Amino acid sequence: MNAQAIPAETTAEKLETENDRFKRSFGSWFWGSMIAATVVHFMLFQFWPTQTADDVSFTAEELEMIELRRKLRSRRRPRRFRGPRRP
């Protein structure tokens, strides 16, 4: 008969926290939420009335030409920026 050493379980390994239980149940919550969202979207698209945009086009019967002034006066050129003085 051989004597084998069996490690003793520590109290930290035995205790399961609420966070551990939450992490373990995350997968089922995730897939359940994905299925619910898919069903809600399908129902929304299937049973919601179809919406279309109204025709907002317009036509102009008469076009008016605007004359521009021949010469536009421009402002003076700004002064050239000088950098900081060197010591």
PDB file of N, CA and C in Angstrom:
ATOM      1  N   MET A   1       0.824  -1.167   0.000  1.00  0.00           N
ATOM      2  CA  MET A   1       0.000   0.000   0.000  1.00  0.00           C
ATOM      3  C   MET A   1       0.875   1.240   0.000  1.00  0.00           C
ATOM      4  N   ASN A   2       0.637   2.116  -0.960  1.00  0.00           N
ATOM      5  CA  ASN A   2       1.398   3.353  -1.059  1.00  0.00           C
ATOM      6  C   ASN A   2       0.663   4.465  -0.325  1.00  0.00           C
ATOM      7  N   ALA A   3       1.413   5.277   0.292  1.00  0.00           N
ATOM      8  CA  ALA A   3       0.820   6.430   0.962  1.00  0.00           C
ATOM      9  C   ALA A   3       0.893   7.601   0.006  1.00  0.00           C
ATOM     10  N   GLN A   4      -0.236   8.146  -0.344  1.00  0.00           N
ATOM     11  CA  GLN A   4      -0.274   9.307  -1.240  1.00  0.00           C
ATOM     12  C   GLN A   4      -0.727  10.507  -0.440  1.00  0.00           C
ATOM     13  N   ALA A   5      -0.098  11.600  -0.737  1.00  0.00           N
ATOM     14  CA  ALA A   5      -0.471  12.835  -0.056  1.00  0.00           C
ATOM     15  C   ALA A   5      -1.632  13.480  -0.799  1.00  0.00           C
ATOM     16  N   ILE A   6      -2.691  13.747  -0.121  1.00  0.00           N
ATOM     17  CA  ILE A   6      -3.853  14.412  -0.699  1.00  0.00           C
ATOM     18  C   ILE A   6      -3.899  15.811  -0.115  1.00  0.00           C
ATOM     19  N   PRO A   7      -3.833  16.826  -0.980  1.00  0.00           N
ATOM     20  CA  PRO A   7      -3.840  18.178  -0.424  1.00  0.00           C
ATOM     21  C   PRO A   7      -5.167  18.484   0.247  1.00  0.00           C
ATOM     22  N   ALA A   8      -5.070  19.131   1.345  1.00  0.00           N
ATOM     23  CA  ALA A   8      -6.276  19.505   2.082  1.00  0.00           C
ATOM     24  C   ALA A   8      -6.924  20.704   1.404  1.00  0.00           C
ATOM     25  N   GLU A   9      -8.234  20.710   1.414  1.00  0.00           N
ATOM     26  CA  GLU A   9      -8.947  21.836   0.815  1.00  0.00           C
ATOM     27  C   GLU A   9      -8.883  23.024   1.757  1.00  0.00           C
ATOM     28  N   THR A  10      -8.583  24.135   1.177  1.00  0.00           N
ATOM     29  CA  THR A  10      -8.542  25.337   2.000  1.00  0.00           C
ATOM     30  C   THR A  10      -9.932  25.946   2.062  1.00  0.00           C
ATOM     31  N   THR A  11     -10.153  26.800   3.007  1.00  0.00           N
ATOM     32  CA  THR A  11     -11.476  27.414   3.149  1.00  0.00           C
ATOM     33  C   THR A  11     -11.769  28.365   1.998  1.00  0.00           C
ATOM     34  N   ALA A  12     -10.744  28.927   1.361  1.00  0.00           N
ATOM     35  CA  ALA A  12     -10.957  29.855   0.248  1.00  0.00           C
ATOM     36  C   ALA A  12     -11.523  29.123  -0.974  1.00  0.00           C
ATOM     37  N   GLU A  13     -11.138  27.853  -1.146  1.00  0.00           N
ATOM     38  CA  GLU A  13     -11.635  27.091  -2.284  1.00  0.00           C
ATOM     39  C   GLU A  13     -13.080  26.651  -2.080  1.00  0.00           C
ATOM     40  N   LYS A  14     -13.474  26.428  -0.850  1.00  0.00           N
ATOM     41  CA  LYS A  14     -14.822  25.969  -0.556  1.00  0.00           C
ATOM     42  C   LYS A  14     -15.856  27.071  -0.714  1.00  0.00           C
ATOM     43  N   LEU A  15     -15.504  28.272  -0.307  1.00  0.00           N
ATOM     44  CA  LEU A  15     -16.465  29.361  -0.301  1.00  0.00           C
ATOM     45  C   LEU A  15     -16.689  29.897  -1.707  1.00  0.00           C
ATOM     46  N   GLU A  16     -17.928  30.044  -2.046  1.00  0.00           N
ATOM     47  CA  GLU A  16     -18.278  30.631  -3.330  1.00  0.00           C
ATOM     48  C   GLU A  16     -18.992  31.952  -3.056  1.00  0.00           C
ATOM     49  N   THR A  17     -18.486  33.017  -3.629  1.00  0.00           N
ATOM     50  CA  THR A  17     -19.059  34.333  -3.374  1.00  0.00           C
ATOM     51  C   THR A  17     -20.205  34.601  -4.343  1.00  0.00           C
ATOM     52  N   GLU A  18     -20.939  35.640  -4.051  1.00  0.00           N
ATOM     53  CA  GLU A  18     -22.024  36.055  -4.948  1.00  0.00           C
ATOM     54  C   GLU A  18     -21.468  36.426  -6.319  1.00  0.00           C
ATOM     55  N   ASN A  19     -20.285  37.046  -6.341  1.00  0.00           N
ATOM     56  CA  ASN A  19     -19.669  37.430  -7.610  1.00  0.00           C
ATOM     57  C   ASN A  19     -19.361  36.195  -8.452  1.00  0.00           C
ATOM     58  N   ASP A  20     -18.889  35.131  -7.825  1.00  0.00           N
ATOM     59  CA  ASP A  20     -18.612  33.894  -8.563  1.00  0.00           C
ATOM     60  C   ASP A  20     -19.898  33.313  -9.157  1.00  0.00           C
ATOM     61  N   ARG A  21     -20.974  33.319  -8.390  1.00  0.00           N
ATOM     62  CA  ARG A  21     -22.246  32.813  -8.899  1.00  0.00           C
ATOM     63  C   ARG A  21     -22.764  33.676 -10.042  1.00  0.00           C
ATOM     64  N   PHE A  22     -22.582  34.990  -9.907  1.00  0.00           N
ATOM     65  CA  PHE A  22     -23.009  35.894 -10.978  1.00  0.00           C
ATOM     66  C   PHE A  22     -22.227  35.630 -12.256  1.00  0.00           C
ATOM     67  N   LYS A  23     -20.914  35.483 -12.136  1.00  0.00           N
ATOM     68  CA  LYS A  23     -20.083  35.219 -13.309  1.00  0.00           C
ATOM     69  C   LYS A  23     -20.478  33.899 -13.973  1.00  0.00           C
ATOM     70  N   ARG A  24     -20.809  32.884 -13.178  1.00  0.00           N
ATOM     71  CA  ARG A  24     -21.167  31.593 -13.727  1.00  0.00           C
ATOM     72  C   ARG A  24     -22.509  31.647 -14.454  1.00  0.00           C
ATOM     73  N   SER A  25     -23.427  32.492 -13.984  1.00  0.00           N
ATOM     74  CA  SER A  25     -24.752  32.569 -14.619  1.00  0.00           C
ATOM     75  C   SER A  25     -24.801  33.581 -15.759  1.00  0.00           C
ATOM     76  N   PHE A  26     -23.699  34.236 -16.055  1.00  0.00           N
ATOM     77  CA  PHE A  26     -23.694  35.277 -17.082  1.00  0.00           C
ATOM     78  C   PHE A  26     -24.024  34.722 -18.459  1.00  0.00           C
ATOM     79  N   GLY A  27     -23.537  33.548 -18.794  1.00  0.00           N
ATOM     80  CA  GLY A  27     -23.760  32.974 -20.121  1.00  0.00           C
ATOM     81  C   GLY A  27     -25.231  32.792 -20.433  1.00  0.00           C
ATOM     82  N   SER A  28     -25.986  32.246 -19.482  1.00  0.00           N
ATOM     83  CA  SER A  28     -27.415  32.028 -19.735  1.00  0.00           C
ATOM     84  C   SER A  28     -28.155  33.364 -19.831  1.00  0.00           C
ATOM     85  N   TRP A  29     -27.785  34.327 -19.008  1.00  0.00           N
ATOM     86  CA  TRP A  29     -28.417  35.654 -19.094  1.00  0.00           C
ATOM     87  C   TRP A  29     -28.132  36.309 -20.440  1.00  0.00           C
ATOM     88  N   PHE A  30     -26.904  36.183 -20.914  1.00  0.00           N
ATOM     89  CA  PHE A  30     -26.506  36.802 -22.175  1.00  0.00           C
ATOM     90  C   PHE A  30     -27.318  36.227 -23.336  1.00  0.00           C
ATOM     91  N   TRP A  31     -27.368  34.898 -23.449  1.00  0.00           N
ATOM     92  CA  TRP A  31     -28.058  34.285 -24.577  1.00  0.00           C
ATOM     93  C   TRP A  31     -29.560  34.476 -24.474  1.00  0.00           C
ATOM     94  N   GLY A  32     -30.092  34.496 -23.262  1.00  0.00           N
ATOM     95  CA  GLY A  32     -31.516  34.778 -23.101  1.00  0.00           C
ATOM     96  C   GLY A  32     -31.853  36.192 -23.548  1.00  0.00           C
ATOM     97  N   SER A  33     -30.991  37.135 -23.225  1.00  0.00           N
ATOM     98  CA  SER A  33     -31.200  38.524 -23.646  1.00  0.00           C
ATOM     99  C   SER A  33     -31.090  38.673 -25.161  1.00  0.00           C
ATOM    100  N   MET A  34     -30.156  37.959 -25.773  1.00  0.00           N
ATOM    101  CA  MET A  34     -30.007  38.020 -27.235  1.00  0.00           C
ATOM    102  C   MET A  34     -31.262  37.478 -27.927  1.00  0.00           C
ATOM    103  N   ILE A  35     -31.807  36.386 -27.424  1.00  0.00           N
ATOM    104  CA  ILE A  35     -33.015  35.811 -28.025  1.00  0.00           C
ATOM    105  C   ILE A  35     -34.193  36.756 -27.844  1.00  0.00           C
ATOM    106  N   ALA A  36     -34.324  37.335 -26.647  1.00  0.00           N
ATOM    107  CA  ALA A  36     -35.427  38.266 -26.390  1.00  0.00           C
ATOM    108  C   ALA A  36     -35.325  39.495 -27.292  1.00  0.00           C
ATOM    109  N   ALA A  37     -34.123  40.033 -27.468  1.00  0.00           N
ATOM    110  CA  ALA A  37     -33.942  41.207 -28.330  1.00  0.00           C
ATOM    111  C   ALA A  37     -34.273  40.872 -29.780  1.00  0.00           C
ATOM    112  N   THR A  38     -33.907  39.685 -30.233  1.00  0.00           N
ATOM    113  CA  THR A  38     -34.214  39.278 -31.604  1.00  0.00           C
ATOM    114  C   THR A  38     -35.717  39.174 -31.819  1.00  0.00           C
ATOM    115  N   VAL A  39     -36.412  38.586 -30.849  1.00  0.00           N
ATOM    116  CA  VAL A  39     -37.870  38.440 -30.975  1.00  0.00           C
ATOM    117  C   VAL A  39     -38.542  39.809 -30.974  1.00  0.00           C
ATOM    118  N   VAL A  40     -38.111  40.706 -30.086  1.00  0.00           N
ATOM    119  CA  VAL A  40     -38.716  42.042 -30.019  1.00  0.00           C
ATOM    120  C   VAL A  40     -38.479  42.800 -31.329  1.00  0.00           C
ATOM    121  N   HIS A  41     -37.273  42.720 -31.880  1.00  0.00           N
ATOM    122  CA  HIS A  41     -36.999  43.410 -33.141  1.00  0.00           C
ATOM    123  C   HIS A  41     -37.819  42.820 -34.284  1.00  0.00           C
ATOM    124  N   PHE A  42     -37.935  41.508 -34.331  1.00  0.00           N
ATOM    125  CA  PHE A  42     -38.736  40.880 -35.382  1.00  0.00           C
ATOM    126  C   PHE A  42     -40.181  41.350 -35.295  1.00  0.00           C
ATOM    127  N   MET A  43     -40.737  41.361 -34.082  1.00  0.00           N
ATOM    128  CA  MET A  43     -42.120  41.803 -33.918  1.00  0.00           C
ATOM    129  C   MET A  43     -42.274  43.277 -34.289  1.00  0.00           C
ATOM    130  N   LEU A  44     -41.295  44.083 -33.929  1.00  0.00           N
ATOM    131  CA  LEU A  44     -41.344  45.509 -34.248  1.00  0.00           C
ATOM    132  C   LEU A  44     -41.380  45.722 -35.763  1.00  0.00           C
ATOM    133  N   PHE A  45     -40.504  45.038 -36.483  1.00  0.00           N
ATOM    134  CA  PHE A  45     -40.457  45.207 -37.943  1.00  0.00           C
ATOM    135  C   PHE A  45     -41.661  44.571 -38.626  1.00  0.00           C
ATOM    136  N   GLN A  46     -42.180  43.496 -38.078  1.00  0.00           N
ATOM    137  CA  GLN A  46     -43.277  42.787 -38.707  1.00  0.00           C
ATOM    138  C   GLN A  46     -44.610  43.511 -38.530  1.00  0.00           C
ATOM    139  N   PHE A  47     -44.880  44.006 -37.336  1.00  0.00           N
ATOM    140  CA  PHE A  47     -46.200  44.524 -37.022  1.00  0.00           C
ATOM    141  C   PHE A  47     -46.290  46.048 -36.973  1.00  0.00           C
ATOM    142  N   TRP A  48     -45.165  46.747 -37.023  1.00  0.00           N
ATOM    143  CA  TRP A  48     -45.199  48.208 -37.016  1.00  0.00           C
ATOM    144  C   TRP A  48     -45.589  48.677 -38.408  1.00  0.00           C
ATOM    145  N   PRO A  49     -46.406  49.729 -38.514  1.00  0.00           N
ATOM    146  CA  PRO A  49     -46.794  50.186 -39.859  1.00  0.00           C
ATOM    147  C   PRO A  49     -45.577  50.705 -40.634  1.00  0.00           C
ATOM    148  N   THR A  50     -45.624  50.464 -41.928  1.00  0.00           N
ATOM    149  CA  THR A  50     -44.536  50.905 -42.792  1.00  0.00           C
ATOM    150  C   THR A  50     -44.563  52.420 -42.902  1.00  0.00           C
ATOM    151  N   GLN A  51     -43.419  53.016 -42.723  1.00  0.00           N
ATOM    152  CA  GLN A  51     -43.340  54.466 -42.791  1.00  0.00           C
ATOM    153  C   GLN A  51     -42.563  54.872 -44.034  1.00  0.00           C
ATOM    154  N   THR A  52     -43.071  55.877 -44.728  1.00  0.00           N
ATOM    155  CA  THR A  52     -42.387  56.404 -45.904  1.00  0.00           C
ATOM    156  C   THR A  52     -42.283  57.913 -45.778  1.00  0.00           C
ATOM    157  N   ALA A  53     -41.332  58.473 -46.453  1.00  0.00           N
ATOM    158  CA  ALA A  53     -41.150  59.921 -46.420  1.00  0.00           C
ATOM    159  C   ALA A  53     -42.070  60.574 -47.451  1.00  0.00           C
ATOM    160  N   ASP A  54     -42.612  61.726 -47.111  1.00  0.00           N
ATOM    161  CA  ASP A  54     -43.444  62.469 -48.049  1.00  0.00           C
ATOM    162  C   ASP A  54     -42.582  63.082 -49.145  1.00  0.00           C
ATOM    163  N   ASP A  55     -43.209  63.355 -50.275  1.00  0.00           N
ATOM    164  CA  ASP A  55     -42.508  64.010 -51.380  1.00  0.00           C
ATOM    165  C   ASP A  55     -42.419  65.504 -51.064  1.00  0.00           C
ATOM    166  N   VAL A  56     -41.207  65.998 -50.874  1.00  0.00           N
ATOM    167  CA  VAL A  56     -41.019  67.409 -50.533  1.00  0.00           C
ATOM    168  C   VAL A  56     -40.330  68.177 -51.665  1.00  0.00           C
ATOM    169  N   SER A  57     -40.345  67.621 -52.862  1.00  0.00           N
ATOM    170  CA  SER A  57     -39.700  68.301 -53.984  1.00  0.00           C
ATOM    171  C   SER A  57     -40.533  69.512 -54.407  1.00  0.00           C
ATOM    172  N   PHE A  58     -39.893  70.458 -55.019  1.00  0.00           N
ATOM    173  CA  PHE A  58     -40.595  71.642 -55.491  1.00  0.00           C
ATOM    174  C   PHE A  58     -40.001  72.056 -56.833  1.00  0.00           C
ATOM    175  N   THR A  59     -40.735  72.826 -57.559  1.00  0.00           N
ATOM    176  CA  THR A  59     -40.252  73.329 -58.848  1.00  0.00           C
ATOM    177  C   THR A  59     -40.322  74.846 -58.828  1.00  0.00           C
ATOM    178  N   ALA A  60     -39.416  75.456 -59.543  1.00  0.00           N
ATOM    179  CA  ALA A  60     -39.387  76.907 -59.644  1.00  0.00           C
ATOM    180  C   ALA A  60     -39.815  77.292 -61.058  1.00  0.00           C
ATOM    181  N   GLU A  61     -40.815  78.111 -61.146  1.00  0.00           N
ATOM    182  CA  GLU A  61     -41.306  78.541 -62.446  1.00  0.00           C
ATOM    183  C   GLU A  61     -40.401  79.613 -63.055  1.00  0.00           C
ATOM    184  N   GLU A  62     -39.834  80.443 -62.212  1.00  0.00           N
ATOM    185  CA  GLU A  62     -39.081  81.573 -62.714  1.00  0.00           C
ATOM    186  C   GLU A  62     -37.770  81.670 -61.947  1.00  0.00           C
ATOM    187  N   LEU A  63     -36.691  81.830 -62.691  1.00  0.00           N
ATOM    188  CA  LEU A  63     -35.381  81.988 -62.071  1.00  0.00           C
ATOM    189  C   LEU A  63     -34.974  83.450 -62.150  1.00  0.00           C
ATOM    190  N   GLU A  64     -34.354  83.931 -61.108  1.00  0.00           N
ATOM    191  CA  GLU A  64     -33.944  85.329 -61.065  1.00  0.00           C
ATOM    192  C   GLU A  64     -32.422  85.392 -61.044  1.00  0.00           C
ATOM    193  N   MET A  65     -31.871  86.268 -61.884  1.00  0.00           N
ATOM    194  CA  MET A  65     -30.425  86.417 -61.945  1.00  0.00           C
ATOM    195  C   MET A  65     -30.013  87.599 -61.076  1.00  0.00           C
ATOM    196  N   ILE A  66     -28.989  87.389 -60.273  1.00  0.00           N
ATOM    197  CA  ILE A  66     -28.498  88.443 -59.391  1.00  0.00           C
ATOM    198  C   ILE A  66     -27.180  88.934 -59.945  1.00  0.00           C
ATOM    199  N   GLU A  67     -27.060  90.264 -60.099  1.00  0.00           N
ATOM    200  CA  GLU A  67     -25.816  90.836 -60.589  1.00  0.00           C
ATOM    201  C   GLU A  67     -24.893  91.129 -59.423  1.00  0.00           C
ATOM    202  N   LEU A  68     -23.648  90.751 -59.600  1.00  0.00           N
ATOM    203  CA  LEU A  68     -22.647  91.028 -58.576  1.00  0.00           C
ATOM    204  C   LEU A  68     -21.904  92.300 -58.934  1.00  0.00           C
ATOM    205  N   ARG A  69     -21.382  92.957 -57.896  1.00  0.00           N
ATOM    206  CA  ARG A  69     -20.562  94.136 -58.185  1.00  0.00           C
ATOM    207  C   ARG A  69     -19.318  93.704 -58.936  1.00  0.00           C
ATOM    208  N   ARG A  70     -18.864  94.614 -59.795  1.00  0.00           N
ATOM    209  CA  ARG A  70     -17.716  94.250 -60.619  1.00  0.00           C
ATOM    210  C   ARG A  70     -16.443  94.073 -59.801  1.00  0.00           C
ATOM    211  N   LYS A  71     -16.176  94.963 -58.867  1.00  0.00           N
ATOM    212  CA  LYS A  71     -14.938  94.881 -58.118  1.00  0.00           C
ATOM    213  C   LYS A  71     -15.274  94.816 -56.633  1.00  0.00           C
ATOM    214  N   LEU A  72     -14.753  93.841 -56.003  1.00  0.00           N
ATOM    215  CA  LEU A  72     -14.945  93.716 -54.572  1.00  0.00           C
ATOM    216  C   LEU A  72     -13.719  94.273 -53.867  1.00  0.00           C
ATOM    217  N   ARG A  73     -13.963  95.107 -52.879  1.00  0.00           N
ATOM    218  CA  ARG A  73     -12.832  95.664 -52.140  1.00  0.00           C
ATOM    219  C   ARG A  73     -12.390  94.654 -51.093  1.00  0.00           C
ATOM    220  N   SER A  74     -11.103  94.462 -51.032  1.00  0.00           N
ATOM    221  CA  SER A  74     -10.583  93.532 -50.038  1.00  0.00           C
ATOM    222  C   SER A  74      -9.941  94.314 -48.900  1.00  0.00           C
ATOM    223  N   ARG A  75      -9.928  93.716 -47.753  1.00  0.00           N
ATOM    224  CA  ARG A  75      -9.310  94.367 -46.596  1.00  0.00           C
ATOM    225  C   ARG A  75      -7.797  94.330 -46.731  1.00  0.00           C
ATOM    226  N   ARG A  76      -7.145  95.145 -45.903  1.00  0.00           N
ATOM    227  CA  ARG A  76      -5.684  95.135 -45.940  1.00  0.00           C
ATOM    228  C   ARG A  76      -5.164  93.781 -45.483  1.00  0.00           C
ATOM    229  N   ARG A  77      -3.996  93.466 -45.967  1.00  0.00           N
ATOM    230  CA  ARG A  77      -3.370  92.221 -45.561  1.00  0.00           C
ATOM    231  C   ARG A  77      -2.951  92.334 -44.094  1.00  0.00           C
ATOM    232  N   PRO A  78      -3.100  91.290 -43.327  1.00  0.00           N
ATOM    233  CA  PRO A  78      -2.644  91.351 -41.942  1.00  0.00           C
ATOM    234  C   PRO A  78      -1.121  91.381 -41.885  1.00  0.00           C
ATOM    235  N   ARG A  79      -0.623  91.999 -40.805  1.00  0.00           N
ATOM    236  CA  ARG A  79       0.835  92.063 -40.663  1.00  0.00           C
ATOM    237  C   ARG A  79       1.396  90.676 -40.417  1.00  0.00           C
ATOM    238  N   ARG A  80       2.625  90.507 -40.853  1.00  0.00           N
ATOM    239  CA  ARG A  80       3.282  89.220 -40.680  1.00  0.00           C
ATOM    240  C   ARG A  80       3.563  88.978 -39.197  1.00  0.00           C
ATOM    241  N   PHE A  81       3.317  87.763 -38.752  1.00  0.00           N
ATOM    242  CA  PHE A  81       3.521  87.417 -37.357  1.00  0.00           C
ATOM    243  C   PHE A  81       5.000  87.268 -37.082  1.00  0.00           C
ATOM    244  N   ARG A  82       5.446  87.931 -36.041  1.00  0.00           N
ATOM    245  CA  ARG A  82       6.843  87.787 -35.638  1.00  0.00           C
ATOM    246  C   ARG A  82       6.901  86.853 -34.431  1.00  0.00           C
ATOM    247  N   GLY A  83       7.789  85.949 -34.469  1.00  0.00           N
ATOM    248  CA  GLY A  83       7.943  84.985 -33.371  1.00  0.00           C
ATOM    249  C   GLY A  83       8.539  85.679 -32.144  1.00  0.00           C
ATOM    250  N   PRO A  84       8.729  84.952 -31.072  1.00  0.00           N
ATOM    251  CA  PRO A  84       9.305  85.551 -29.878  1.00  0.00           C
ATOM    252  C   PRO A  84      10.759  85.962 -30.117  1.00  0.00           C
ATOM    253  N   ARG A  85      11.168  86.961 -29.391  1.00  0.00           N
ATOM    254  CA  ARG A  85      12.558  87.422 -29.537  1.00  0.00           C
ATOM    255  C   ARG A  85      13.512  86.392 -28.965  1.00  0.00           C
ATOM    256  N   ARG A  86      14.628  86.295 -29.598  1.00  0.00           N
ATOM    257  CA  ARG A  86      15.654  85.386 -29.101  1.00  0.00           C
ATOM    258  C   ARG A  86      16.536  86.129 -28.111  1.00  0.00           C
ATOM    259  N   PRO A  87      16.978  85.460 -27.065  1.00  0.00           N
ATOM    260  CA  PRO A  87      17.825  86.150 -26.088  1.00  0.00           C
ATOM    261  C   PRO A  87      19.218  86.457 -26.603  1.00  0.00           C
TER     262      PRO A  87
END
